[in-house]
Amino acid sequence: MWVIIIYTTILACTFLATLKYPSTALAALLCLYGLKQWAQSVNTFFMLHGTLTNYLVGGIVITALVVMSVSKKTIFSSYPTVGWLTIALFLYSFVSIQWAADSDISYKVWAVEFPYIITVVLLGPLLICSSKSLSESLLALLPLGTLLVLFLLFTSNWTYRGIEIKGAHGQIFQGNPLAIAEMAGYVMSAVTLQNFRGKWRSWQVLRWLVVAACLALAAKSGSRGQFFTMIFATALFLPFSRKVGNPLHFLMLLAGVGVLAILGDWAFHAFSVTGDIRWKSVNIENDFYGRFNTAARLLNIWWESPPAILFGLGNSASFNPRIIGFYPHVVPLEILGEEGLLGFFLFLGIIILTIKSIVRTFVLARSDIKRRGLIAVLSAIFTIEFILSFKQGSMIGSPFLFCFIILLGKYELLVVDENKNESIAQT
């Protein structure tokens, strides 16, 4: 009963916050998998109604967009070129099913992923319409995400790796450890890279406790890629989020990187329950090469078909037992094999434009400490998702990668407009 009360309270508070601050719905979206798995792990009701959390969080997102429309906030303004290219890539991927060897398999995969594509990729970026709204969403992520990280760590039962989920007849299922570790990465990026002011200043002290909890969750889940990538991405963008104007600032920056390393070492030794197996370098290397060998099987078939070289084998063709039987775990190579050179170069263009947006936005925001923190968070999460795309997931199964690609492009345009408005106001 206590689980249902807490679950209802979390969603009710998020819904009420959305009515005043619509962009906080993005925080709920980023915590979707964490909330869903925690609830399923502690109460069988949520296992029997597995899509309930999806519908409720989706309803919060739609409510937020309605509130924005009613309050005359410009939802579709500042939509970036990279967003349209992303839509074009997904549309082409869907059309390519027509020439897949077994289109029925592809349609079944799309039926599973389609709601996430609509909610996360298409609707998620629309929730941000200014630096203020982005800040509101990332600040809302802190209490919500921290709460879920702690709940997952200390109130859920664990299997070998993932959360233990009990079925109606006593069956034991394992949750997705990668998804909850990614949520921990989002929270860690937001709490470390933002520059807190005013009533949020206490998070400058709390941040390291939150970082410790996030790293502990990633380590306990055995999610090696997430664990190392979230440390790397946070350390990489920490210098970009801060002004380093004198030796003291530089020393503080080094101290921050040092604390990340210390907390990472502590979390690994204190919470890694699979240390004797998964974390051995030989096993990491074997898994790494195994994924690329699987992708190579897809590319061998792709290369032997001249039409497929240009147009691809068709989206989700990898799930055909005659090819691989499941996705190849390396998204860029999957796109090359399933969408051909057309889809691959479209994806490559999207990544190049995203990197350019990161660089340009940092230049535009260099004099504003708050905006520097915001672009650093977006960049860190994109980096996490992009690196992870080389070891897990499929293109249509990686909605948050494309969500943050669009958010980065959109935020660049928003900062440009805000700078222009500020210049006009000053004159």
Protein backbone atom coordinates (compact mmCIF):
# COMPACT_ATOMS: atom_id res chain seq x y z
CA MET A 1 0.00 0.00 0.00
CA TRP A 2 2.83 2.40 0.85
CA VAL A 3 4.24 1.91 -2.65
CA ILE A 4 1.00 2.99 -4.30
CA ILE A 5 0.83 6.05 -2.02
CA ILE A 6 4.39 7.11 -2.87
CA TYR A 7 3.92 6.33 -6.58
CA THR A 8 0.69 8.36 -6.69
CA THR A 9 2.27 11.22 -4.75
CA ILE A 10 5.23 11.41 -7.15
CA LEU A 11 3.02 11.56 -10.23
CA ALA A 12 0.48 13.91 -8.61
CA CYS A 13 3.20 16.37 -7.56
CA THR A 14 4.74 16.18 -11.02
CA PHE A 15 1.34 16.81 -12.63
CA LEU A 16 0.62 19.81 -10.40
CA ALA A 17 4.09 21.23 -11.03
CA THR A 18 3.49 20.84 -14.76
CA LEU A 19 0.40 23.05 -14.57
CA LYS A 20 2.61 25.95 -13.44
CA TYR A 21 5.93 24.93 -14.96
CA PRO A 22 5.11 22.82 -18.05
CA SER A 23 8.74 22.06 -18.83
CA THR A 24 9.00 19.94 -15.66
CA ALA A 25 7.25 17.23 -17.68
CA LEU A 26 10.63 16.62 -19.32
CA ALA A 27 11.98 15.54 -15.92
CA ALA A 28 9.18 12.97 -15.65
CA LEU A 29 10.04 11.72 -19.12
CA LEU A 30 13.72 11.29 -18.21
CA CYS A 31 12.71 9.31 -15.10
CA LEU A 32 10.12 7.15 -16.88
CA TYR A 33 12.08 3.89 -16.85
CA GLY A 34 13.36 4.43 -13.31
CA LEU A 35 9.87 5.06 -11.91
CA LYS A 36 8.40 2.17 -13.86
CA GLN A 37 10.98 -0.40 -12.75
CA TRP A 38 11.00 0.72 -9.12
CA ALA A 39 7.20 0.40 -8.90
CA GLN A 40 7.25 -3.02 -10.57
CA SER A 41 9.98 -4.24 -8.23
CA VAL A 42 8.09 -3.49 -5.03
CA ASN A 43 4.46 -4.16 -5.99
CA THR A 44 3.09 -6.85 -8.29
CA PHE A 45 0.21 -4.58 -9.33
CA PHE A 46 2.59 -2.51 -11.47
CA MET A 47 4.00 -5.64 -13.07
CA LEU A 48 0.49 -6.72 -14.07
CA HIS A 49 -0.19 -3.23 -15.44
CA GLY A 50 3.16 -2.67 -17.13
CA THR A 51 2.05 0.16 -19.41
CA LEU A 52 0.36 2.21 -16.66
CA THR A 53 3.42 4.38 -15.98
CA ASN A 54 3.90 4.96 -19.71
CA TYR A 55 0.35 6.24 -20.09
CA LEU A 56 0.52 8.45 -17.00
CA VAL A 57 3.84 10.06 -17.91
CA GLY A 58 2.66 10.45 -21.51
CA GLY A 59 -0.47 12.16 -20.18
CA ILE A 60 1.69 14.56 -18.16
CA VAL A 61 3.68 15.44 -21.28
CA ILE A 62 0.54 16.09 -23.32
CA THR A 63 -0.94 18.14 -20.47
CA ALA A 64 2.22 20.24 -20.37
CA LEU A 65 2.01 20.96 -24.10
CA VAL A 66 -1.66 21.93 -23.76
CA VAL A 67 -0.79 24.30 -20.90
CA MET A 68 1.97 25.83 -23.03
CA SER A 69 -0.43 26.31 -25.93
CA VAL A 70 -3.09 27.90 -23.74
CA SER A 71 -0.52 30.27 -22.23
CA LYS A 72 0.54 31.16 -25.78
CA LYS A 73 4.05 29.80 -25.47
CA THR A 74 5.62 29.14 -28.85
CA ILE A 75 5.91 25.35 -28.93
CA PHE A 76 7.02 24.98 -32.54
CA SER A 77 9.27 28.03 -32.79
CA SER A 78 13.05 27.63 -32.93
CA TYR A 79 12.71 24.09 -34.23
CA PRO A 80 16.17 23.17 -35.53
CA THR A 81 17.29 21.78 -38.85
CA VAL A 82 18.68 18.76 -37.03
CA GLY A 83 15.16 18.08 -35.77
CA TRP A 84 13.75 17.92 -39.28
CA LEU A 85 16.63 15.68 -40.36
CA THR A 86 15.90 13.38 -37.43
CA ILE A 87 12.25 13.18 -38.46
CA ALA A 88 13.38 12.47 -42.03
CA LEU A 89 15.63 9.64 -40.80
CA PHE A 90 12.80 8.01 -38.86
CA LEU A 91 10.38 8.40 -41.77
CA TYR A 92 12.90 6.87 -44.17
CA SER A 93 13.51 4.05 -41.70
CA PHE A 94 9.80 3.31 -41.54
CA VAL A 95 9.44 3.39 -45.34
CA SER A 96 12.42 1.03 -45.69
CA ILE A 97 10.38 -1.70 -44.00
CA GLN A 98 8.71 -2.16 -47.39
CA TRP A 99 11.81 -3.85 -48.81
CA ALA A 100 12.84 -5.77 -45.67
CA ALA A 101 12.99 -9.54 -46.16
CA ASP A 102 10.28 -10.08 -43.54
CA SER A 103 8.36 -6.86 -43.04
CA ASP A 104 6.04 -8.44 -40.46
CA ILE A 105 8.95 -8.72 -38.02
CA SER A 106 9.86 -5.08 -38.59
CA TYR A 107 6.30 -3.90 -38.03
CA LYS A 108 6.18 -5.80 -34.72
CA VAL A 109 9.38 -4.06 -33.57
CA TRP A 110 7.94 -0.68 -34.57
CA ALA A 111 4.70 -1.40 -32.73
CA VAL A 112 6.72 -1.69 -29.50
CA GLU A 113 8.92 1.37 -30.05
CA PHE A 114 6.45 3.72 -31.76
CA PRO A 115 4.90 5.21 -28.56
CA TYR A 116 8.38 6.07 -27.26
CA ILE A 117 9.36 7.65 -30.57
CA ILE A 118 6.28 9.88 -30.50
CA THR A 119 6.55 10.83 -26.82
CA VAL A 120 10.31 11.16 -26.37
CA VAL A 121 11.63 12.13 -29.81
CA LEU A 122 8.76 14.25 -31.15
CA LEU A 123 7.03 15.67 -28.07
CA GLY A 124 9.87 15.82 -25.54
CA PRO A 125 11.91 18.62 -27.21
CA LEU A 126 8.77 20.75 -27.62
CA LEU A 127 8.63 21.16 -23.83
CA ILE A 128 11.62 23.52 -23.92
CA CYS A 129 11.01 27.04 -25.22
CA SER A 130 13.64 29.12 -23.35
CA SER A 131 16.67 28.92 -21.07
CA LYS A 132 14.30 29.39 -18.15
CA SER A 133 12.16 26.40 -19.14
CA LEU A 134 15.24 24.23 -19.65
CA SER A 135 16.50 25.25 -16.22
CA GLU A 136 13.10 24.42 -14.67
CA SER A 137 13.13 20.94 -16.20
CA LEU A 138 16.68 20.14 -15.10
CA LEU A 139 16.06 21.48 -11.59
CA ALA A 140 12.90 19.36 -11.33
CA LEU A 141 14.98 16.36 -12.33
CA LEU A 142 17.11 16.71 -9.18
CA PRO A 143 14.57 15.84 -6.43
CA LEU A 144 12.62 13.42 -8.62
CA GLY A 145 15.66 11.62 -9.97
CA THR A 146 17.49 11.54 -6.64
CA LEU A 147 14.43 10.05 -4.92
CA LEU A 148 14.15 7.29 -7.52
CA VAL A 149 17.87 6.52 -7.41
CA LEU A 150 17.67 6.05 -3.63
CA PHE A 151 14.48 3.99 -3.85
CA LEU A 152 16.03 1.70 -6.47
CA LEU A 153 19.17 1.29 -4.38
CA PHE A 154 17.61 0.63 -0.99
CA THR A 155 14.02 -0.57 -1.38
CA SER A 156 14.23 -2.85 -4.43
CA ASN A 157 15.45 -6.42 -4.44
CA TRP A 158 18.18 -7.22 -6.93
CA THR A 159 18.98 -10.25 -9.06
CA TYR A 160 22.40 -10.95 -10.51
CA ARG A 161 22.31 -7.56 -12.24
CA GLY A 162 18.94 -5.92 -12.57
CA ILE A 163 15.98 -5.13 -10.37
CA GLU A 164 14.00 -8.20 -9.25
CA ILE A 165 10.44 -8.02 -10.54
CA LYS A 166 7.88 -10.54 -9.28
CA GLY A 167 5.11 -11.80 -11.51
CA ALA A 168 1.58 -12.79 -10.53
CA HIS A 169 2.42 -16.48 -10.04
CA GLY A 170 5.72 -16.05 -8.23
CA GLN A 171 7.88 -15.82 -11.34
CA ILE A 172 10.99 -13.70 -11.00
CA PHE A 173 11.89 -11.35 -13.83
CA GLN A 174 14.87 -9.07 -14.21
CA GLY A 175 14.41 -5.38 -14.97
CA ASN A 176 16.48 -3.52 -17.53
CA PRO A 177 19.69 -2.51 -15.68
CA LEU A 178 20.88 -0.29 -18.53
CA ALA A 179 17.80 1.94 -18.43
CA ILE A 180 18.03 2.74 -14.71
CA ALA A 181 21.77 3.34 -14.99
CA GLU A 182 21.14 5.80 -17.82
CA MET A 183 18.63 7.65 -15.63
CA ALA A 184 21.35 7.85 -12.99
CA GLY A 185 23.60 9.38 -15.65
CA TYR A 186 21.01 12.05 -16.43
CA VAL A 187 20.67 12.95 -12.74
CA MET A 188 24.42 12.96 -12.20
CA SER A 189 25.00 15.28 -15.18
CA ALA A 190 22.26 17.66 -14.04
CA VAL A 191 23.45 17.89 -10.44
CA THR A 192 27.15 18.20 -11.26
CA LEU A 193 27.19 20.59 -14.21
CA GLN A 194 24.50 23.11 -13.31
CA ASN A 195 25.51 26.31 -11.52
CA PHE A 196 23.07 26.73 -8.65
CA ARG A 197 21.83 30.08 -7.43
CA GLY A 198 19.28 31.32 -4.88
CA LYS A 199 17.10 28.72 -3.18
CA TRP A 200 18.83 25.93 -5.09
CA ARG A 201 22.28 26.80 -3.72
CA SER A 202 22.10 23.96 -1.16
CA TRP A 203 22.54 21.53 -4.06
CA GLN A 204 26.14 22.71 -4.33
CA VAL A 205 26.75 20.65 -1.19
CA LEU A 206 24.17 17.93 -1.80
CA ARG A 207 25.47 17.33 -5.33
CA TRP A 208 28.31 15.05 -4.23
CA LEU A 209 25.98 12.86 -2.19
CA VAL A 210 23.72 12.57 -5.24
CA VAL A 211 26.71 11.77 -7.47
CA ALA A 212 27.73 9.02 -5.06
CA ALA A 213 24.21 7.52 -5.16
CA CYS A 214 24.08 7.68 -8.98
CA LEU A 215 27.43 5.96 -9.37
CA ALA A 216 26.41 3.36 -6.80
CA LEU A 217 23.25 2.56 -8.78
CA ALA A 218 25.19 2.19 -12.03
CA ALA A 219 27.78 -0.02 -10.34
CA LYS A 220 25.17 -2.20 -8.62
CA SER A 221 23.35 -2.74 -11.92
CA GLY A 222 26.56 -3.99 -13.51
CA SER A 223 26.13 -1.45 -16.33
CA ARG A 224 29.78 -1.02 -17.22
CA GLY A 225 29.26 1.29 -20.19
CA GLN A 226 26.94 3.58 -18.26
CA PHE A 227 29.25 3.64 -15.21
CA PHE A 228 32.37 4.69 -17.11
CA THR A 229 30.60 6.90 -19.63
CA MET A 230 28.76 9.01 -17.04
CA ILE A 231 32.06 9.68 -15.23
CA PHE A 232 33.81 10.53 -18.50
CA ALA A 233 31.05 12.82 -19.83
CA THR A 234 30.68 14.69 -16.55
CA ALA A 235 34.44 15.22 -16.21
CA LEU A 236 34.68 16.26 -19.87
CA PHE A 237 32.10 19.03 -19.61
CA LEU A 238 32.87 20.18 -16.08
CA PRO A 239 35.45 22.75 -17.37
CA PHE A 240 32.87 24.06 -19.87
CA SER A 241 30.24 24.59 -17.19
CA ARG A 242 32.49 26.72 -14.97
CA LYS A 243 34.41 29.93 -15.45
CA VAL A 244 38.12 29.34 -14.94
CA GLY A 245 39.31 32.92 -14.47
CA ASN A 246 42.06 32.48 -11.90
CA PRO A 247 44.26 29.78 -10.29
CA LEU A 248 41.74 29.19 -7.48
CA HIS A 249 38.99 28.38 -9.99
CA PHE A 250 41.36 25.98 -11.73
CA LEU A 251 42.21 24.22 -8.47
CA MET A 252 38.52 23.91 -7.63
CA LEU A 253 37.94 22.39 -11.05
CA LEU A 254 40.70 19.85 -10.50
CA ALA A 255 39.25 19.09 -7.08
CA GLY A 256 35.86 18.40 -8.68
CA VAL A 257 37.38 15.95 -11.16
CA GLY A 258 39.27 14.32 -8.29
CA VAL A 259 36.09 13.90 -6.26
CA LEU A 260 34.43 12.23 -9.26
CA ALA A 261 37.29 9.74 -9.48
CA ILE A 262 37.22 9.02 -5.73
CA LEU A 263 33.45 8.53 -5.69
CA GLY A 264 33.65 6.30 -8.74
CA ASP A 265 36.23 4.07 -7.05
CA TRP A 266 34.14 3.94 -3.87
CA ALA A 267 30.92 3.10 -5.72
CA PHE A 268 32.60 0.33 -7.69
CA HIS A 269 34.07 -1.42 -4.66
CA ALA A 270 31.05 -0.85 -2.39
CA PHE A 271 28.18 -1.69 -4.75
CA SER A 272 29.46 -3.77 -7.65
CA VAL A 273 27.96 -7.21 -7.04
CA THR A 274 29.32 -8.61 -10.32
CA GLY A 275 32.92 -7.53 -9.80
CA ASP A 276 34.37 -11.01 -10.26
CA ILE A 277 32.78 -11.51 -13.67
CA ARG A 278 31.51 -8.56 -15.65
CA TRP A 279 34.17 -6.07 -14.63
CA LYS A 280 37.19 -8.14 -15.68
CA SER A 281 38.99 -6.53 -18.60
CA VAL A 282 38.99 -9.78 -20.58
CA ASN A 283 35.20 -10.04 -20.34
CA ILE A 284 34.77 -6.38 -21.30
CA GLU A 285 36.97 -6.94 -24.37
CA ASN A 286 35.13 -10.12 -25.35
CA ASP A 287 31.74 -8.40 -25.10
CA PHE A 288 33.05 -5.41 -27.08
CA TYR A 289 34.37 -7.52 -29.95
CA GLY A 290 31.30 -9.75 -29.78
CA ARG A 291 29.03 -6.80 -30.50
CA PHE A 292 31.10 -5.66 -33.47
CA ASN A 293 31.27 -9.21 -34.81
CA THR A 294 27.48 -9.35 -34.68
CA ALA A 295 27.27 -6.04 -36.54
CA ALA A 296 29.78 -7.41 -39.08
CA ARG A 297 27.38 -10.27 -39.85
CA LEU A 298 24.73 -7.71 -40.74
CA LEU A 299 27.15 -5.72 -42.90
CA ASN A 300 28.30 -8.82 -44.77
CA ILE A 301 24.74 -9.46 -45.92
CA TRP A 302 24.29 -5.74 -46.66
CA TRP A 303 27.44 -5.64 -48.80
CA GLU A 304 26.41 -8.67 -50.85
CA SER A 305 23.24 -6.93 -52.05
CA PRO A 306 23.99 -4.00 -54.43
CA PRO A 307 20.58 -2.30 -53.96
CA ALA A 308 20.95 -2.59 -50.18
CA ILE A 309 24.28 -0.76 -50.24
CA LEU A 310 22.46 2.43 -51.12
CA PHE A 311 18.99 1.87 -49.69
CA GLY A 312 19.64 -0.65 -46.89
CA LEU A 313 18.15 -4.02 -46.00
CA GLY A 314 15.15 -2.35 -44.38
CA ASN A 315 14.63 -1.15 -40.83
CA SER A 316 14.73 -3.87 -38.15
CA ALA A 317 15.86 -6.42 -40.75
CA SER A 318 18.40 -7.54 -38.13
CA PHE A 319 15.55 -9.17 -36.19
CA ASN A 320 15.03 -11.61 -39.05
CA PRO A 321 16.47 -15.01 -37.93
CA ARG A 322 18.02 -15.43 -41.37
CA ILE A 323 20.18 -12.35 -40.74
CA ILE A 324 20.93 -12.13 -37.01
CA GLY A 325 17.69 -12.62 -35.12
CA PHE A 326 18.14 -9.56 -32.89
CA TYR A 327 19.54 -6.04 -33.07
CA PRO A 328 23.35 -5.81 -33.53
CA HIS A 329 23.97 -3.49 -30.52
CA VAL A 330 26.02 -0.98 -32.58
CA VAL A 331 23.58 1.69 -33.74
CA PRO A 332 25.72 3.47 -36.39
CA LEU A 333 26.57 0.16 -38.10
CA GLU A 334 22.97 -1.00 -37.76
CA ILE A 335 21.85 2.16 -39.59
CA LEU A 336 24.42 1.50 -42.31
CA GLY A 337 23.15 -2.04 -42.82
CA GLU A 338 19.41 -1.41 -42.49
CA GLU A 339 19.10 2.10 -43.99
CA GLY A 340 22.07 1.91 -46.34
CA LEU A 341 24.36 4.75 -47.32
CA LEU A 342 21.38 7.11 -47.56
CA GLY A 343 20.38 6.58 -43.96
CA PHE A 344 23.96 6.40 -42.68
CA PHE A 345 25.00 9.74 -44.18
CA LEU A 346 21.78 11.29 -42.91
CA PHE A 347 22.65 10.05 -39.41
CA LEU A 348 26.26 11.23 -39.82
CA GLY A 349 25.01 14.68 -40.83
CA ILE A 350 22.79 14.78 -37.74
CA ILE A 351 25.75 14.01 -35.47
CA ILE A 352 27.98 16.60 -37.16
CA LEU A 353 25.30 19.30 -36.85
CA THR A 354 24.83 18.39 -33.18
CA ILE A 355 28.54 18.74 -32.41
CA LYS A 356 28.56 22.10 -34.20
CA SER A 357 25.57 23.22 -32.11
CA ILE A 358 27.43 22.30 -28.93
CA VAL A 359 30.46 24.36 -29.93
CA ARG A 360 28.45 27.37 -31.15
CA THR A 361 26.19 27.42 -28.09
CA PHE A 362 29.15 27.32 -25.72
CA VAL A 363 30.59 30.32 -27.54
CA LEU A 364 27.26 32.17 -27.33
CA ALA A 365 26.80 31.33 -23.65
CA ARG A 366 30.37 31.78 -22.42
CA SER A 367 29.58 35.01 -20.54
CA ASP A 368 26.45 33.62 -18.82
CA ILE A 369 27.28 31.12 -16.08
CA LYS A 370 23.74 29.76 -15.92
CA ARG A 371 23.52 29.05 -19.65
CA ARG A 372 26.98 27.49 -19.59
CA GLY A 373 25.72 25.00 -17.03
CA LEU A 374 22.61 24.21 -19.05
CA ILE A 375 24.46 23.56 -22.31
CA ALA A 376 27.00 21.47 -20.39
CA VAL A 377 24.21 19.22 -19.04
CA LEU A 378 22.65 18.73 -22.48
CA SER A 379 26.07 18.04 -24.01
CA ALA A 380 27.03 15.55 -21.32
CA ILE A 381 23.80 13.57 -21.67
CA PHE A 382 24.12 13.56 -25.47
CA THR A 383 27.70 12.30 -25.09
CA ILE A 384 26.54 9.52 -22.77
CA GLU A 385 23.81 8.44 -25.19
CA PHE A 386 26.04 8.66 -28.27
CA ILE A 387 28.86 6.59 -26.75
CA LEU A 388 26.38 4.02 -25.48
CA SER A 389 24.94 3.71 -29.00
CA PHE A 390 28.13 1.82 -29.89
CA LYS A 391 27.36 -0.98 -27.43
CA GLN A 392 23.60 -1.26 -26.97
CA GLY A 393 20.19 -0.64 -28.47
CA SER A 394 18.87 -0.02 -31.96
CA MET A 395 18.12 3.19 -33.82
CA ILE A 396 14.39 3.21 -33.10
CA GLY A 397 15.11 1.87 -29.62
CA SER A 398 17.31 4.86 -28.68
CA PRO A 399 14.74 7.67 -28.34
CA PHE A 400 16.66 9.70 -25.76
CA LEU A 401 19.70 9.97 -28.04
CA PHE A 402 17.59 11.73 -30.65
CA CYS A 403 15.66 13.70 -28.04
CA PHE A 404 18.87 15.35 -26.84
CA ILE A 405 20.10 15.83 -30.38
CA ILE A 406 17.00 17.92 -31.07
CA LEU A 407 17.22 19.68 -27.69
CA LEU A 408 20.80 20.76 -28.42
CA GLY A 409 19.87 22.14 -31.83
CA LYS A 410 16.84 23.88 -30.39
CA TYR A 411 18.72 25.38 -27.47
CA GLU A 412 21.26 26.93 -29.82
CA LEU A 413 18.48 28.81 -31.62
CA LEU A 414 16.90 29.83 -28.31
CA VAL A 415 20.19 31.27 -27.02
CA VAL A 416 20.67 33.19 -30.27
CA ASP A 417 17.20 34.73 -29.91
CA GLU A 418 17.71 35.50 -26.22
CA ASN A 419 21.04 37.21 -26.91
CA LYS A 420 19.42 39.33 -29.62
CA ASN A 421 16.57 40.33 -27.32
CA GLU A 422 18.99 41.23 -24.57
CA SER A 423 21.05 43.36 -26.95
CA ILE A 424 17.93 45.19 -28.11
CA ALA A 425 16.85 45.78 -24.50
CA GLN A 426 20.25 47.24 -23.63
CA THR A 427 20.10 49.70 -26.49
